[in-house]
C-alpha atoms as a PDB file:
ATOM      1  CA  MET A   1      22.820 167.593  95.065  1.00  0.00           C
ATOM      2  CA  ALA A   2      23.626 169.569  98.062  1.00  0.00           C
ATOM      3  CA  TYR A   3      23.676 167.985 101.596  1.00  0.00           C
ATOM      4  CA  SER A   4      20.917 168.608 103.672  1.00  0.00           C
ATOM      5  CA  ALA A   5      20.270 167.992 107.202  1.00  0.00           C
ATOM      6  CA  SER A   6      16.450 167.998 107.006  1.00  0.00           C
ATOM      7  CA  PHE A   7      16.093 164.092 106.810  1.00  0.00           C
ATOM      8  CA  THR A   8      16.364 164.374 110.790  1.00  0.00           C
ATOM      9  CA  LYS A   9      12.479 165.094 110.259  1.00  0.00           C
ATOM     10  CA  GLU A  10      11.762 162.093 108.282  1.00  0.00           C
ATOM     11  CA  LYS A  11       9.457 159.443 109.376  1.00  0.00           C
ATOM     12  CA  TRP A  12       9.355 156.011 107.645  1.00  0.00           C
ATOM     13  CA  ALA A  13       5.840 156.843 106.112  1.00  0.00           C
ATOM     14  CA  GLU A  14       5.247 153.733 104.067  1.00  0.00           C
ATOM     15  CA  GLN A  15       1.536 154.141 104.842  1.00  0.00           C
ATOM     16  CA  GLU A  16       1.479 157.927 104.097  1.00  0.00           C
ATOM     17  CA  ILE A  17       3.410 157.055 100.778  1.00  0.00           C
ATOM     18  CA  GLY A  18       1.085 154.663  99.735  1.00  0.00           C
ATOM     19  CA  ILE A  19      -2.016 157.287 100.279  1.00  0.00           C
ATOM     20  CA  VAL A  20      -0.390 159.803  98.362  1.00  0.00           C
ATOM     21  CA  ILE A  21       0.581 157.341  95.422  1.00  0.00           C
ATOM     22  CA  GLU A  22      -3.157 156.313  95.348  1.00  0.00           C
ATOM     23  CA  LEU A  23      -4.167 159.905  95.124  1.00  0.00           C
ATOM     24  CA  MET A  24      -1.541 160.451  92.239  1.00  0.00           C
ATOM     25  CA  LEU A  25      -2.500 157.764  90.276  1.00  0.00           C
ATOM     26  CA  GLU A  26      -6.273 159.210  90.368  1.00  0.00           C
ATOM     27  CA  GLY A  27      -4.868 162.213  88.354  1.00  0.00           C
ATOM     28  CA  LYS A  28      -5.039 164.655  91.083  1.00  0.00           C
ATOM     29  CA  THR A  29      -2.284 167.604  91.071  1.00  0.00           C
ATOM     30  CA  ARG A  30      -0.220 168.280  93.893  1.00  0.00           C
ATOM     31  CA  LYS A  31      -2.723 170.807  95.249  1.00  0.00           C
ATOM     32  CA  GLU A  32      -5.520 168.242  95.021  1.00  0.00           C
ATOM     33  CA  VAL A  33      -3.779 165.580  96.796  1.00  0.00           C
ATOM     34  CA  LEU A  34      -2.570 168.002  99.765  1.00  0.00           C
ATOM     35  CA  GLU A  35      -6.389 169.190 100.087  1.00  0.00           C
ATOM     36  CA  THR A  36      -7.746 165.539 100.014  1.00  0.00           C
ATOM     37  CA  VAL A  37      -5.226 164.410 102.522  1.00  0.00           C
ATOM     38  CA  THR A  38      -5.925 167.500 105.029  1.00  0.00           C
ATOM     39  CA  GLU A  39      -9.723 167.542 104.585  1.00  0.00           C
ATOM     40  CA  SER A  40     -10.074 163.666 105.362  1.00  0.00           C
ATOM     41  CA  ASN A  41      -7.022 164.036 107.946  1.00  0.00           C
ATOM     42  CA  LEU A  42      -5.797 160.980 105.964  1.00  0.00           C
ATOM     43  CA  PHE A  43      -2.264 160.986 107.699  1.00  0.00           C
ATOM     44  CA  GLN A  44      -3.907 160.865 111.221  1.00  0.00           C
ATOM     45  CA  LEU A  45      -2.042 163.916 112.512  1.00  0.00           C
ATOM     46  CA  ARG A  46      -3.337 166.866 114.800  1.00  0.00           C
ATOM     47  CA  SER A  47      -2.708 170.060 113.168  1.00  0.00           C
ATOM     48  CA  PRO A  48      -2.644 171.110 109.661  1.00  0.00           C
ATOM     49  CA  VAL A  49       0.737 172.396 110.095  1.00  0.00           C
ATOM     50  CA  SER A  50       1.968 168.923 110.871  1.00  0.00           C
ATOM     51  CA  VAL A  51       0.071 167.438 107.758  1.00  0.00           C
ATOM     52  CA  LYS A  52       1.570 170.072 105.443  1.00  0.00           C
ATOM     53  CA  ASN A  53       5.159 169.326 106.678  1.00  0.00           C
ATOM     54  CA  ARG A  54       4.442 165.454 106.621  1.00  0.00           C
ATOM     55  CA  PHE A  55       2.816 165.700 103.271  1.00  0.00           C
ATOM     56  CA  ASP A  56       5.762 167.785 101.863  1.00  0.00           C
ATOM     57  CA  MET A  57       8.399 164.902 102.540  1.00  0.00           C
ATOM     58  CA  VAL A  58       6.243 161.894 101.583  1.00  0.00           C
ATOM     59  CA  TYR A  59       4.987 163.733  98.176  1.00  0.00           C
ATOM     60  CA  LYS A  60       8.871 164.402  97.111  1.00  0.00           C
ATOM     61  CA  ARG A  61       9.584 160.688  98.109  1.00  0.00           C
ATOM     62  CA  ALA A  62       6.352 159.153  96.457  1.00  0.00           C
ATOM     63  CA  GLU A  63       7.712 161.408  92.873  1.00  0.00           C
ATOM     64  CA  MET A  64      10.683 159.084  93.028  1.00  0.00           C
ATOM     65  CA  PHE A  65       8.552 156.503  91.591  1.00  0.00           C
ATOM     66  CA  ASP A  66       7.364 156.104  87.905  1.00  0.00           C
ATOM     67  CA  ASP A  67       3.743 154.890  87.080  1.00  0.00           C
ATOM     68  CA  LYS A  68       4.466 151.290  86.860  1.00  0.00           C
ATOM     69  CA  ILE A  69       6.157 151.392  90.120  1.00  0.00           C
ATOM     70  CA  LYS A  70       3.398 153.703  91.815  1.00  0.00           C
ATOM     71  CA  LYS A  71       1.009 150.823  90.799  1.00  0.00           C
ATOM     72  CA  HIS A  72       3.099 147.998  92.086  1.00  0.00           C
ATOM     73  CA  PHE A  73       3.482 149.606  95.442  1.00  0.00           C
ATOM     74  CA  ILE A  74      -0.300 149.751  95.986  1.00  0.00           C
ATOM     75  CA  GLN A  75      -0.609 146.041  95.525  1.00  0.00           C
ATOM     76  CA  ALA A  76       2.968 145.243  96.490  1.00  0.00           C
ATOM     77  CA  SER A  77       3.990 142.730  99.107  1.00  0.00           C
ATOM     78  CA  ASP A  78       5.441 143.923 102.633  1.00  0.00           C
ATOM     79  CA  ASP A  79       8.871 143.116 101.281  1.00  0.00           C
ATOM     80  CA  ASP A  80       8.591 145.225  98.135  1.00  0.00           C
ATOM     81  CA  LYS A  81       6.845 148.247  99.974  1.00  0.00           C
ATOM     82  CA  THR A  82       9.572 148.014 102.723  1.00  0.00           C
ATOM     83  CA  ALA A  83      12.216 147.981 100.015  1.00  0.00           C
ATOM     84  CA  LEU A  84      10.816 150.856  97.939  1.00  0.00           C
ATOM     85  CA  THR A  85      10.259 153.123 101.207  1.00  0.00           C
ATOM     86  CA  LEU A  86      13.907 152.906 101.683  1.00  0.00           C
ATOM     87  CA  TYR A  87      14.636 153.338  98.011  1.00  0.00           C
ATOM     88  CA  SER A  88      12.528 156.661  98.166  1.00  0.00           C
ATOM     89  CA  PHE A  89      14.516 158.010 101.210  1.00  0.00           C
ATOM     90  CA  LEU A  90      17.738 157.495  99.533  1.00  0.00           C
ATOM     91  CA  LYS A  91      16.925 158.656  96.305  1.00  0.00           C
ATOM     92  CA  VAL A  92      16.004 162.128  97.844  1.00  0.00           C
ATOM     93  CA  TYR A  93      18.693 162.455 100.376  1.00  0.00           C
ATOM     94  CA  GLN A  94      22.498 162.228  99.272  1.00  0.00           C
ATOM     95  CA  LEU A  95      24.255 162.190 102.381  1.00  0.00           C
ATOM     96  CA  PRO A  96      22.501 158.784 103.253  1.00  0.00           C
ATOM     97  CA  LEU A  97      22.805 157.527  99.513  1.00  0.00           C
ATOM     98  CA  GLU A  98      26.321 158.355  99.932  1.00  0.00           C
ATOM     99  CA  PHE A  99      26.616 156.406 103.327  1.00  0.00           C
ATOM    100  CA  TYR A 100      25.182 153.042 101.584  1.00  0.00           C
ATOM    101  CA  TYR A 101      27.221 153.467  98.594  1.00  0.00           C
ATOM    102  CA  GLU A 102      30.428 154.469 100.531  1.00  0.00           C
ATOM    103  CA  VAL A 103      30.125 152.706 103.881  1.00  0.00           C
ATOM    104  CA  LEU A 104      27.605 149.818 103.732  1.00  0.00           C
ATOM    105  CA  LEU A 105      28.513 148.279 100.420  1.00  0.00           C
ATOM    106  CA  TYR A 106      32.113 148.306 101.309  1.00  0.00           C
ATOM    107  CA  LYS A 107      31.759 146.837 104.660  1.00  0.00           C
ATOM    108  CA  TYR A 108      29.348 143.914 103.446  1.00  0.00           C
ATOM    109  CA  GLU A 109      31.947 143.372 100.537  1.00  0.00           C
ATOM    110  CA  SER A 110      34.775 143.125 102.858  1.00  0.00           C
ATOM    111  CA  ASN A 111      32.649 140.531 105.202  1.00  0.00           C
ATOM    112  CA  GLU A 112      32.697 143.362 108.302  1.00  0.00           C
ATOM    113  CA  VAL A 113      30.445 144.394 110.506  1.00  0.00           C
ATOM    114  CA  LEU A 114      29.128 147.982 110.622  1.00  0.00           C
ATOM    115  CA  TYR A 115      30.541 149.742 113.546  1.00  0.00           C
ATOM    116  CA  THR A 116      28.471 152.906 115.695  1.00  0.00           C
ATOM    117  CA  ASN A 117      31.758 154.675 115.030  1.00  0.00           C
ATOM    118  CA  ASP A 118      31.516 154.374 111.180  1.00  0.00           C
ATOM    119  CA  PHE A 119      28.673 156.847 111.084  1.00  0.00           C
ATOM    120  CA  PHE A 120      30.813 159.381 113.019  1.00  0.00           C
ATOM    121  CA  TYR A 121      33.973 158.620 110.599  1.00  0.00           C
ATOM    122  CA  PHE A 122      31.587 159.217 107.410  1.00  0.00           C
ATOM    123  CA  PHE A 123      30.322 162.609 108.795  1.00  0.00           C
ATOM    124  CA  GLU A 124      34.127 163.833 109.658  1.00  0.00           C
ATOM    125  CA  THR A 125      35.062 162.785 106.129  1.00  0.00           C
ATOM    126  CA  LYS A 126      32.159 164.813 104.553  1.00  0.00           C
ATOM    127  CA  ALA A 127      32.955 167.592 107.003  1.00  0.00           C
ATOM    128  CA  SER A 128      36.286 167.897 105.310  1.00  0.00           C
ATOM    129  CA  ILE A 129      34.799 168.492 102.068  1.00  0.00           C
ATOM    130  CA  SER A 130      31.812 170.366 102.715  1.00  0.00           C
ATOM    131  CA  GLU A 131      31.554 173.498 104.391  1.00  0.00           C
ATOM    132  CA  ARG A 132      27.909 173.025 105.179  1.00  0.00           C
ATOM    133  CA  VAL A 133      28.357 169.640 107.138  1.00  0.00           C
ATOM    134  CA  ASP A 134      31.333 171.098 109.053  1.00  0.00           C
ATOM    135  CA  ALA A 135      29.053 173.690 110.495  1.00  0.00           C
ATOM    136  CA  TRP A 136      26.549 171.382 111.866  1.00  0.00           C
ATOM    137  CA  ARG A 137      26.469 170.765 115.449  1.00  0.00           C
ATOM    138  CA  ALA A 138      27.445 167.637 117.326  1.00  0.00           C
ATOM    139  CA  ASP A 139      23.455 167.091 118.210  1.00  0.00           C
ATOM    140  CA  THR A 140      22.502 167.691 114.525  1.00  0.00           C
ATOM    141  CA  ILE A 141      24.883 164.981 113.520  1.00  0.00           C
ATOM    142  CA  LYS A 142      23.913 162.669 116.279  1.00  0.00           C
ATOM    143  CA  ARG A 143      20.182 163.161 114.794  1.00  0.00           C
ATOM    144  CA  LEU A 144      21.165 162.656 111.227  1.00  0.00           C
ATOM    145  CA  ILE A 145      22.785 159.418 112.131  1.00  0.00           C
ATOM    146  CA  SER A 146      19.694 158.178 114.218  1.00  0.00           C
ATOM    147  CA  ALA A 147      17.720 158.742 111.163  1.00  0.00           C
ATOM    148  CA  MET A 148      19.749 156.729 108.797  1.00  0.00           C
ATOM    149  CA  THR A 149      20.021 154.132 111.321  1.00  0.00           C
ATOM    150  CA  LEU A 150      16.370 153.734 111.899  1.00  0.00           C
ATOM    151  CA  PHE A 151      15.717 153.517 107.729  1.00  0.00           C
ATOM    152  CA  PHE A 152      18.169 150.774 107.336  1.00  0.00           C
ATOM    153  CA  ARG A 153      17.085 148.870 110.412  1.00  0.00           C
ATOM    154  CA  GLU A 154      13.350 149.502 109.206  1.00  0.00           C
ATOM    155  CA  ALA A 155      14.294 148.012 105.978  1.00  0.00           C
ATOM    156  CA  LYS A 156      16.228 145.128 107.616  1.00  0.00           C
ATOM    157  CA  ILE A 157      19.325 145.932 105.758  1.00  0.00           C
ATOM    158  CA  LEU A 158      21.146 146.620 109.409  1.00  0.00           C
ATOM    159  CA  GLU A 159      20.519 144.360 112.265  1.00  0.00           C
ATOM    160  CA  LYS A 160      21.810 145.745 115.528  1.00  0.00           C
ATOM    161  CA  MET A 161      24.004 142.958 117.352  1.00  0.00           C
ATOM    162  CA  ASN A 162      25.009 145.112 120.249  1.00  0.00           C
ATOM    163  CA  ASP A 163      25.573 148.669 121.425  1.00  0.00           C
ATOM    164  CA  LYS A 164      28.613 148.872 118.910  1.00  0.00           C
ATOM    165  CA  GLU A 165      27.776 146.845 115.946  1.00  0.00           C
ATOM    166  CA  PHE A 166      25.271 145.907 113.064  1.00  0.00           C
ATOM    167  CA  ALA A 167      25.197 143.030 110.802  1.00  0.00           C
ATOM    168  CA  ILE A 168      24.385 143.861 107.107  1.00  0.00           C
ATOM    169  CA  HIS A 169      22.041 141.746 105.197  1.00  0.00           C
ATOM    170  CA  PRO A 170      20.900 141.925 101.708  1.00  0.00           C
ATOM    171  CA  ILE A 171      16.932 142.290 101.439  1.00  0.00           C
ATOM    172  CA  TYR A 172      14.340 140.144  99.404  1.00  0.00           C
ATOM    173  CA  ILE A 173      11.846 141.685  96.965  1.00  0.00           C
ATOM    174  CA  SER A 174       9.744 139.988  94.470  1.00  0.00           C
ATOM    175  CA  ASN A 175      11.160 138.539  91.266  1.00  0.00           C
ATOM    176  CA  ASP A 176       8.936 140.827  89.205  1.00  0.00           C
ATOM    177  CA  LEU A 177      10.315 143.744  90.933  1.00  0.00           C
ATOM    178  CA  LYS A 178      13.771 142.574  90.876  1.00  0.00           C
ATOM    179  CA  ALA A 179      13.644 141.901  87.682  1.00  0.00           C
ATOM    180  CA  TYR A 180      12.185 145.645  86.477  1.00  0.00           C
ATOM    181  CA  ALA A 181      14.950 147.102  89.147  1.00  0.00           C
ATOM    182  CA  LYS A 182      17.509 145.407  87.342  1.00  0.00           C
ATOM    183  CA  GLU A 183      16.785 147.277  83.914  1.00  0.00           C
ATOM    184  CA  HIS A 184      15.363 150.592  85.774  1.00  0.00           C
ATOM    185  CA  MET A 185      16.336 151.370  89.217  1.00  0.00           C
ATOM    186  CA  PRO A 186      19.795 150.054  89.828  1.00  0.00           C
ATOM    187  CA  LEU A 187      19.897 151.449  93.498  1.00  0.00           C
ATOM    188  CA  LEU A 188      16.791 149.133  94.216  1.00  0.00           C
ATOM    189  CA  HIS A 189      18.335 146.204  92.838  1.00  0.00           C
ATOM    190  CA  SER A 190      21.466 146.587  94.822  1.00  0.00           C
ATOM    191  CA  PHE A 191      19.497 146.225  97.717  1.00  0.00           C
ATOM    192  CA  THR A 192      19.155 142.324  97.178  1.00  0.00           C
ATOM    193  CA  THR A 193      22.793 141.665  96.694  1.00  0.00           C
ATOM    194  CA  LEU A 194      24.679 144.657  98.215  1.00  0.00           C
ATOM    195  CA  GLU A 195      27.200 144.558  95.381  1.00  0.00           C
ATOM    196  CA  ARG A 196      28.108 147.804  93.540  1.00  0.00           C
ATOM    197  CA  GLY A 197      26.498 148.181  90.360  1.00  0.00           C
ATOM    198  CA  ASN A 198      25.675 151.163  88.186  1.00  0.00           C
ATOM    199  CA  ASN A 199      24.753 154.285  90.364  1.00  0.00           C
ATOM    200  CA  GLU A 200      21.852 155.833  89.546  1.00  0.00           C
END
């Protein structure tokens, strides 16, 4: 998967993912889901262009779930929805996923806090192996770091301690989802232990 900077525009979008999943489970095509979302202004955005842009991102993330997980998402607890929302983000975007595996899990296993500079070191490392990342401007990198921080903090895997440090925590999901994830979604299951298992 190629590295992309497009996730600077991503929102948490848990509610929008739920809306799209419900329509998908009704058997609607992608085009039909978009038409319903737009005509009824289900995302509560002002312009059709904004709706289309948000829809493209949300639909891509909703596609990361099989039908069993889609059905679970609709009725899930807040904890499960939070974990699944983060999962959908990491499954779509390679850089945040690699940051999770290469930095967050390593730091947790080493019983260390995460420093703000760790984000910058991560991007420096990627720039050394990717011409695309190397070409990104400093303000692009800052916006990417801001988006990644938002998602990990929203999921409560990261807790801001001060201006320079974050604590790292496993998160809770229901036993039913945890058991399913252990067999079918190792990335999701890893959120509960922050141990390196089999990468998806």
